[in-house]
Amino acid sequence: MDSHNLPPDSLRKIVHDLNGELFLIRGYADLSLGKLEEDHPIAENVRKILRRTDELEHIIQDLRRKQMILEPDD
């Protein structure tokens, strides 16, 4: 079965799991950035992680919209 033919329940679980992992990554990155000086060499890498999590949040929103299309209200 390819990803275009996943049952709606599978898509819901994938979106849920991805959102949970992203929440953890973003939380740890926020905490790490708070401990670093603005100009610390690692700070820019952590900011890149945060920017990427923002991008991934948009992807998750798109997946949720697709999920709603696949699972219309009765």
C-alpha atoms as a PDB file:
ATOM      1  CA  MET A   1       0.000   0.000   0.000  1.00  0.00           C
ATOM      2  CA  ASP A   2       1.525   3.356  -0.975  1.00  0.00           C
ATOM      3  CA  SER A   3       1.186   6.557   1.063  1.00  0.00           C
ATOM      4  CA  HIS A   4      -1.555   7.898  -1.235  1.00  0.00           C
ATOM      5  CA  ASN A   5      -3.837   5.004  -0.284  1.00  0.00           C
ATOM      6  CA  LEU A   6      -3.375   5.035   3.491  1.00  0.00           C
ATOM      7  CA  PRO A   7      -6.534   4.448   5.483  1.00  0.00           C
ATOM      8  CA  PRO A   8      -7.740   7.663   7.190  1.00  0.00           C
ATOM      9  CA  ASP A   9      -6.920   6.227  10.630  1.00  0.00           C
ATOM     10  CA  SER A  10      -3.291   5.744   9.561  1.00  0.00           C
ATOM     11  CA  LEU A  11      -3.023   9.341   8.389  1.00  0.00           C
ATOM     12  CA  ARG A  12      -4.513  10.554  11.664  1.00  0.00           C
ATOM     13  CA  LYS A  13      -1.948   8.545  13.652  1.00  0.00           C
ATOM     14  CA  ILE A  14       0.956   9.762  11.513  1.00  0.00           C
ATOM     15  CA  VAL A  15      -0.119  13.390  11.907  1.00  0.00           C
ATOM     16  CA  HIS A  16      -0.627  12.938  15.647  1.00  0.00           C
ATOM     17  CA  ASP A  17       2.767  11.247  16.147  1.00  0.00           C
ATOM     18  CA  LEU A  18       4.593  13.769  13.981  1.00  0.00           C
ATOM     19  CA  ASN A  19       3.009  16.642  15.871  1.00  0.00           C
ATOM     20  CA  GLY A  20       4.058  15.112  19.200  1.00  0.00           C
ATOM     21  CA  GLU A  21       7.657  14.633  18.105  1.00  0.00           C
ATOM     22  CA  LEU A  22       7.782  18.134  16.677  1.00  0.00           C
ATOM     23  CA  PHE A  23       6.461  19.531  19.963  1.00  0.00           C
ATOM     24  CA  LEU A  24       9.315  17.838  21.844  1.00  0.00           C
ATOM     25  CA  ILE A  25      11.985  18.966  19.385  1.00  0.00           C
ATOM     26  CA  ARG A  26      10.744  22.540  19.493  1.00  0.00           C
ATOM     27  CA  GLY A  27      10.576  22.496  23.285  1.00  0.00           C
ATOM     28  CA  TYR A  28      14.133  21.264  23.681  1.00  0.00           C
ATOM     29  CA  ALA A  29      15.371  23.761  21.097  1.00  0.00           C
ATOM     30  CA  ASP A  30      13.595  26.629  22.882  1.00  0.00           C
ATOM     31  CA  LEU A  31      15.093  25.567  26.206  1.00  0.00           C
ATOM     32  CA  SER A  32      18.556  25.241  24.669  1.00  0.00           C
ATOM     33  CA  LEU A  33      18.387  28.631  22.999  1.00  0.00           C
ATOM     34  CA  GLY A  34      17.359  30.193  26.297  1.00  0.00           C
ATOM     35  CA  LYS A  35      20.568  28.909  27.886  1.00  0.00           C
ATOM     36  CA  LEU A  36      22.852  30.231  25.139  1.00  0.00           C
ATOM     37  CA  GLU A  37      24.236  33.702  24.612  1.00  0.00           C
ATOM     38  CA  GLU A  38      22.865  35.392  21.480  1.00  0.00           C
ATOM     39  CA  ASP A  39      26.222  35.148  19.691  1.00  0.00           C
ATOM     40  CA  HIS A  40      27.150  31.632  20.848  1.00  0.00           C
ATOM     41  CA  PRO A  41      28.291  29.542  17.849  1.00  0.00           C
ATOM     42  CA  ILE A  42      25.628  26.907  18.511  1.00  0.00           C
ATOM     43  CA  ALA A  43      22.804  29.445  18.843  1.00  0.00           C
ATOM     44  CA  GLU A  44      22.436  29.833  15.074  1.00  0.00           C
ATOM     45  CA  ASN A  45      22.097  26.052  14.689  1.00  0.00           C
ATOM     46  CA  VAL A  46      19.340  26.014  17.300  1.00  0.00           C
ATOM     47  CA  ARG A  47      17.593  28.902  15.519  1.00  0.00           C
ATOM     48  CA  LYS A  48      17.744  26.836  12.311  1.00  0.00           C
ATOM     49  CA  ILE A  49      16.045  23.973  14.151  1.00  0.00           C
ATOM     50  CA  LEU A  50      13.320  26.347  15.310  1.00  0.00           C
ATOM     51  CA  ARG A  51      12.807  27.705  11.792  1.00  0.00           C
ATOM     52  CA  ARG A  52      12.539  24.183  10.438  1.00  0.00           C
ATOM     53  CA  THR A  53      10.004  23.221  13.096  1.00  0.00           C
ATOM     54  CA  ASP A  54       7.928  26.213  11.958  1.00  0.00           C
ATOM     55  CA  GLU A  55       8.064  24.878   8.390  1.00  0.00           C
ATOM     56  CA  LEU A  56       7.092  21.410   9.562  1.00  0.00           C
ATOM     57  CA  GLU A  57       4.154  22.828  11.519  1.00  0.00           C
ATOM     58  CA  HIS A  58       2.810  24.186   8.222  1.00  0.00           C
ATOM     59  CA  ILE A  59       3.174  20.730   6.667  1.00  0.00           C
ATOM     60  CA  ILE A  60       1.247  19.233   9.601  1.00  0.00           C
ATOM     61  CA  GLN A  61      -1.518  21.790   9.107  1.00  0.00           C
ATOM     62  CA  ASP A  62      -1.723  20.769   5.444  1.00  0.00           C
ATOM     63  CA  LEU A  63      -1.927  17.103   6.453  1.00  0.00           C
ATOM     64  CA  ARG A  64      -4.732  17.910   8.886  1.00  0.00           C
ATOM     65  CA  ARG A  65      -6.649  19.672   6.119  1.00  0.00           C
ATOM     66  CA  LYS A  66      -6.216  16.608   3.899  1.00  0.00           C
ATOM     67  CA  GLN A  67      -7.333  14.425   6.776  1.00  0.00           C
ATOM     68  CA  MET A  68     -10.530  16.477   7.110  1.00  0.00           C
ATOM     69  CA  ILE A  69     -11.190  16.031   3.392  1.00  0.00           C
ATOM     70  CA  LEU A  70     -10.713  12.266   3.723  1.00  0.00           C
ATOM     71  CA  GLU A  71     -12.886  12.133   6.848  1.00  0.00           C
ATOM     72  CA  PRO A  72     -15.807  14.491   6.220  1.00  0.00           C
ATOM     73  CA  ASP A  73     -18.315  14.967   9.040  1.00  0.00           C
ATOM     74  CA  ASP A  74     -21.332  12.723   8.815  1.00  0.00           C
END
